[in-house]
Amino acid sequence: MGERFPFDSPGAVGFMESPTDEIDRYLALLQGVGLVERWCFVRFEELGITVRPPIYTTGNGSRSDEWNQIRANILQCCLARSRSTDPAFGVAVLAAAMEFHGGDLAAASRAMTATDRIFEPVISWSDWAQAQLGRLRAECRERGLIQGNGS
């Protein structure tokens, strides 16, 4: 329970419109997570943080081609699945950055990571993703989870 980013609402709970069946429910969950991820990147930009594609993805979820494609479509940027999807690999890269690359995370990433597959966004999803993020933010505002533009 609760949300800390992209907005701060300790009492927030998840919500969705009534799905017609389990497939719609599952798709809504995936799209919802993708939209919150997009909202995070919008928030990064508002804070002056530049995120340059591709976005590297690891962990068990990254093994799903369908999930990665949904994310690429919603984010409207390339996702690169690392050859090693083990979540611990990211920690190893962080440690190597400090130990062997003078704290340069980008250098450690370049030296240690290999890409398994690139997921290109389907450009025709751009308007849909923008509209859905607007709907999500409006619903969060309606529920009292955010104020103003939701930043």
C-alpha atoms as a PDB file:
ATOM      1  CA  MET A   1       0.000   0.000   0.000  1.00  0.00           C
ATOM      2  CA  GLY A   2       1.168   3.502  -0.735  1.00  0.00           C
ATOM      3  CA  GLU A   3       3.076   5.265  -3.479  1.00  0.00           C
ATOM      4  CA  ARG A   4       6.270   7.293  -3.253  1.00  0.00           C
ATOM      5  CA  PHE A   5       7.148   7.962  -6.893  1.00  0.00           C
ATOM      6  CA  PRO A   6       6.099   9.407  -9.318  1.00  0.00           C
ATOM      7  CA  PHE A   7       3.872  10.998  -6.649  1.00  0.00           C
ATOM      8  CA  ASP A   8       3.845  10.797  -2.867  1.00  0.00           C
ATOM      9  CA  SER A   9       0.683   9.285  -1.402  1.00  0.00           C
ATOM     10  CA  PRO A  10       1.336   6.869   1.485  1.00  0.00           C
ATOM     11  CA  GLY A  11      -2.291   5.693   1.544  1.00  0.00           C
ATOM     12  CA  ALA A  12      -2.661   5.048  -2.196  1.00  0.00           C
ATOM     13  CA  VAL A  13      -4.116   1.717  -3.274  1.00  0.00           C
ATOM     14  CA  GLY A  14      -4.270   0.242  -6.759  1.00  0.00           C
ATOM     15  CA  PHE A  15      -7.365   0.585  -8.914  1.00  0.00           C
ATOM     16  CA  MET A  16      -8.631  -0.308 -12.377  1.00  0.00           C
ATOM     17  CA  GLU A  17     -11.800  -0.120 -14.393  1.00  0.00           C
ATOM     18  CA  SER A  18     -13.833  -3.324 -14.410  1.00  0.00           C
ATOM     19  CA  PRO A  19     -12.150  -5.733 -16.833  1.00  0.00           C
ATOM     20  CA  THR A  20     -14.411  -7.905 -18.961  1.00  0.00           C
ATOM     21  CA  ASP A  21     -12.405 -11.085 -18.305  1.00  0.00           C
ATOM     22  CA  GLU A  22      -9.111 -12.358 -16.870  1.00  0.00           C
ATOM     23  CA  ILE A  23      -7.216 -11.594 -20.083  1.00  0.00           C
ATOM     24  CA  ASP A  24      -8.374  -7.954 -19.999  1.00  0.00           C
ATOM     25  CA  ARG A  25      -7.488  -7.798 -16.298  1.00  0.00           C
ATOM     26  CA  TYR A  26      -3.963  -9.104 -16.943  1.00  0.00           C
ATOM     27  CA  LEU A  27      -3.447  -6.708 -19.863  1.00  0.00           C
ATOM     28  CA  ALA A  28      -4.742  -3.799 -17.746  1.00  0.00           C
ATOM     29  CA  LEU A  29      -2.245  -4.664 -14.999  1.00  0.00           C
ATOM     30  CA  LEU A  30       0.655  -4.754 -17.455  1.00  0.00           C
ATOM     31  CA  GLN A  31      -0.402  -1.531 -19.151  1.00  0.00           C
ATOM     32  CA  GLY A  32      -0.950   0.141 -15.778  1.00  0.00           C
ATOM     33  CA  VAL A  33       2.564  -0.690 -14.627  1.00  0.00           C
ATOM     34  CA  GLY A  34       3.909   0.540 -17.969  1.00  0.00           C
ATOM     35  CA  LEU A  35       1.991   3.809 -17.632  1.00  0.00           C
ATOM     36  CA  VAL A  36       3.329   4.403 -14.124  1.00  0.00           C
ATOM     37  CA  GLU A  37       6.822   3.742 -15.497  1.00  0.00           C
ATOM     38  CA  ARG A  38       6.192   6.327 -18.251  1.00  0.00           C
ATOM     39  CA  TRP A  39       4.962   8.759 -15.581  1.00  0.00           C
ATOM     40  CA  CYS A  40       8.251   8.208 -13.712  1.00  0.00           C
ATOM     41  CA  PHE A  41      10.248   9.143 -16.808  1.00  0.00           C
ATOM     42  CA  VAL A  42       8.083  12.248 -17.309  1.00  0.00           C
ATOM     43  CA  ARG A  43       8.788  13.158 -13.684  1.00  0.00           C
ATOM     44  CA  PHE A  44      12.538  12.627 -14.206  1.00  0.00           C
ATOM     45  CA  GLU A  45      12.391  15.106 -17.100  1.00  0.00           C
ATOM     46  CA  GLU A  46      10.502  17.619 -14.933  1.00  0.00           C
ATOM     47  CA  LEU A  47      13.290  17.290 -12.359  1.00  0.00           C
ATOM     48  CA  GLY A  48      15.949  17.918 -15.021  1.00  0.00           C
ATOM     49  CA  ILE A  49      17.136  14.310 -15.212  1.00  0.00           C
ATOM     50  CA  THR A  50      17.855  13.148 -18.746  1.00  0.00           C
ATOM     51  CA  VAL A  51      17.257   9.490 -19.512  1.00  0.00           C
ATOM     52  CA  ARG A  52      18.711   8.356 -22.811  1.00  0.00           C
ATOM     53  CA  PRO A  53      17.457   5.265 -24.601  1.00  0.00           C
ATOM     54  CA  PRO A  54      17.885   2.437 -24.773  1.00  0.00           C
ATOM     55  CA  ILE A  55      16.504   1.564 -21.370  1.00  0.00           C
ATOM     56  CA  TYR A  56      18.207  -1.611 -20.172  1.00  0.00           C
ATOM     57  CA  THR A  57      15.974  -4.174 -18.543  1.00  0.00           C
ATOM     58  CA  THR A  58      16.880  -7.107 -16.300  1.00  0.00           C
ATOM     59  CA  GLY A  59      15.129  -9.340 -13.802  1.00  0.00           C
ATOM     60  CA  ASN A  60      12.683 -12.167 -14.252  1.00  0.00           C
ATOM     61  CA  GLY A  61      10.040  -9.965 -15.887  1.00  0.00           C
ATOM     62  CA  SER A  62      12.458  -8.986 -18.630  1.00  0.00           C
ATOM     63  CA  ARG A  63      12.366 -12.553 -19.925  1.00  0.00           C
ATOM     64  CA  SER A  64       8.890 -11.876 -21.348  1.00  0.00           C
ATOM     65  CA  ASP A  65       9.025 -10.570 -24.913  1.00  0.00           C
ATOM     66  CA  GLU A  66       5.387  -9.469 -24.637  1.00  0.00           C
ATOM     67  CA  TRP A  67       6.006  -7.433 -21.471  1.00  0.00           C
ATOM     68  CA  ASN A  68       9.071  -5.762 -22.951  1.00  0.00           C
ATOM     69  CA  GLN A  69       7.151  -4.844 -26.107  1.00  0.00           C
ATOM     70  CA  ILE A  70       4.277  -3.388 -24.076  1.00  0.00           C
ATOM     71  CA  ARG A  71       6.788  -1.297 -22.117  1.00  0.00           C
ATOM     72  CA  ALA A  72       8.580  -0.122 -25.280  1.00  0.00           C
ATOM     73  CA  ASN A  73       5.240   0.869 -26.824  1.00  0.00           C
ATOM     74  CA  ILE A  74       4.118   2.783 -23.737  1.00  0.00           C
ATOM     75  CA  LEU A  75       7.492   4.435 -23.083  1.00  0.00           C
ATOM     76  CA  GLN A  76       7.974   5.120 -26.809  1.00  0.00           C
ATOM     77  CA  CYS A  77      11.656   4.277 -26.578  1.00  0.00           C
ATOM     78  CA  CYS A  78      13.886   1.291 -27.206  1.00  0.00           C
ATOM     79  CA  LEU A  79      14.292  -1.292 -24.481  1.00  0.00           C
ATOM     80  CA  ALA A  80      17.395  -3.455 -24.427  1.00  0.00           C
ATOM     81  CA  ARG A  81      17.164  -6.766 -22.634  1.00  0.00           C
ATOM     82  CA  SER A  82      20.491  -7.697 -21.120  1.00  0.00           C
ATOM     83  CA  ARG A  83      21.886 -11.123 -21.835  1.00  0.00           C
ATOM     84  CA  SER A  84      22.032 -11.661 -18.078  1.00  0.00           C
ATOM     85  CA  THR A  85      18.539 -11.112 -16.673  1.00  0.00           C
ATOM     86  CA  ASP A  86      19.553 -12.050 -13.120  1.00  0.00           C
ATOM     87  CA  PRO A  87      18.571  -9.141 -10.835  1.00  0.00           C
ATOM     88  CA  ALA A  88      21.859  -9.522  -8.953  1.00  0.00           C
ATOM     89  CA  PHE A  89      23.752  -8.612 -12.121  1.00  0.00           C
ATOM     90  CA  GLY A  90      22.802  -4.949 -11.699  1.00  0.00           C
ATOM     91  CA  VAL A  91      24.339  -4.922  -8.237  1.00  0.00           C
ATOM     92  CA  ALA A  92      27.501  -6.460  -9.691  1.00  0.00           C
ATOM     93  CA  VAL A  93      27.691  -3.643 -12.258  1.00  0.00           C
ATOM     94  CA  LEU A  94      27.256  -1.045  -9.499  1.00  0.00           C
ATOM     95  CA  ALA A  95      30.036  -2.662  -7.459  1.00  0.00           C
ATOM     96  CA  ALA A  96      32.329  -2.847 -10.487  1.00  0.00           C
ATOM     97  CA  ALA A  97      31.691   0.821 -11.250  1.00  0.00           C
ATOM     98  CA  MET A  98      33.066   1.766  -7.847  1.00  0.00           C
ATOM     99  CA  GLU A  99      35.869  -0.804  -7.715  1.00  0.00           C
ATOM    100  CA  PHE A 100      37.194  -0.804 -11.278  1.00  0.00           C
ATOM    101  CA  HIS A 101      35.791   2.239 -13.103  1.00  0.00           C
ATOM    102  CA  GLY A 102      36.283   5.123 -10.669  1.00  0.00           C
ATOM    103  CA  GLY A 103      32.574   5.361  -9.951  1.00  0.00           C
ATOM    104  CA  ASP A 104      31.661   5.658 -13.640  1.00  0.00           C
ATOM    105  CA  LEU A 105      28.493   3.581 -13.916  1.00  0.00           C
ATOM    106  CA  ALA A 106      28.202   4.123 -17.675  1.00  0.00           C
ATOM    107  CA  ALA A 107      31.738   2.778 -18.218  1.00  0.00           C
ATOM    108  CA  ALA A 108      31.047  -0.279 -16.065  1.00  0.00           C
ATOM    109  CA  SER A 109      27.796  -0.898 -17.932  1.00  0.00           C
ATOM    110  CA  ARG A 110      29.506  -0.673 -21.317  1.00  0.00           C
ATOM    111  CA  ALA A 111      32.258  -3.038 -20.180  1.00  0.00           C
ATOM    112  CA  MET A 112      30.023  -5.629 -18.549  1.00  0.00           C
ATOM    113  CA  THR A 113      26.699  -5.770 -20.335  1.00  0.00           C
ATOM    114  CA  ALA A 114      25.742  -7.583 -23.482  1.00  0.00           C
ATOM    115  CA  THR A 115      22.398  -7.090 -25.179  1.00  0.00           C
ATOM    116  CA  ASP A 116      20.191 -10.085 -25.859  1.00  0.00           C
ATOM    117  CA  ARG A 117      17.439  -8.257 -27.754  1.00  0.00           C
ATOM    118  CA  ILE A 118      16.246  -4.741 -28.594  1.00  0.00           C
ATOM    119  CA  PHE A 119      12.526  -3.930 -28.407  1.00  0.00           C
ATOM    120  CA  GLU A 120      11.586  -1.050 -30.705  1.00  0.00           C
ATOM    121  CA  PRO A 121       8.452   0.938 -29.909  1.00  0.00           C
ATOM    122  CA  VAL A 122       5.503   0.815 -32.277  1.00  0.00           C
ATOM    123  CA  ILE A 123       5.123   4.509 -33.069  1.00  0.00           C
ATOM    124  CA  SER A 124       1.361   4.230 -33.600  1.00  0.00           C
ATOM    125  CA  TRP A 125       1.035   3.604 -29.825  1.00  0.00           C
ATOM    126  CA  SER A 126       2.371   7.087 -29.002  1.00  0.00           C
ATOM    127  CA  ASP A 127      -0.968   8.922 -28.967  1.00  0.00           C
ATOM    128  CA  TRP A 128      -2.653   6.053 -27.092  1.00  0.00           C
ATOM    129  CA  ALA A 129       0.049   6.004 -24.403  1.00  0.00           C
ATOM    130  CA  GLN A 130      -0.065   9.783 -23.962  1.00  0.00           C
ATOM    131  CA  ALA A 131      -3.865   9.759 -23.689  1.00  0.00           C
ATOM    132  CA  GLN A 132      -3.858   6.854 -21.223  1.00  0.00           C
ATOM    133  CA  LEU A 133      -1.263   8.571 -19.034  1.00  0.00           C
ATOM    134  CA  GLY A 134      -3.502  11.646 -19.044  1.00  0.00           C
ATOM    135  CA  ARG A 135      -6.464   9.481 -17.994  1.00  0.00           C
ATOM    136  CA  LEU A 136      -4.411   7.858 -15.228  1.00  0.00           C
ATOM    137  CA  ARG A 137      -3.274  11.215 -13.869  1.00  0.00           C
ATOM    138  CA  ALA A 138      -6.837  12.574 -14.028  1.00  0.00           C
ATOM    139  CA  GLU A 139      -8.145   9.526 -12.149  1.00  0.00           C
ATOM    140  CA  CYS A 140      -5.431   9.903  -9.502  1.00  0.00           C
ATOM    141  CA  ARG A 141      -6.391  13.575  -9.152  1.00  0.00           C
ATOM    142  CA  GLU A 142     -10.092  12.622  -8.888  1.00  0.00           C
ATOM    143  CA  ARG A 143      -9.262  10.124  -6.136  1.00  0.00           C
ATOM    144  CA  GLY A 144      -7.309  12.773  -4.235  1.00  0.00           C
ATOM    145  CA  LEU A 145      -3.972  11.028  -4.731  1.00  0.00           C
ATOM    146  CA  ILE A 146      -2.342  13.989  -6.488  1.00  0.00           C
ATOM    147  CA  GLN A 147      -2.819  17.736  -6.673  1.00  0.00           C
ATOM    148  CA  GLY A 148      -2.460  19.982  -9.725  1.00  0.00           C
ATOM    149  CA  ASN A 149      -0.509  18.310 -12.532  1.00  0.00           C
ATOM    150  CA  GLY A 150       0.544  15.414 -10.316  1.00  0.00           C
ATOM    151  CA  SER A 151       4.200  16.288  -9.984  1.00  0.00           C
END
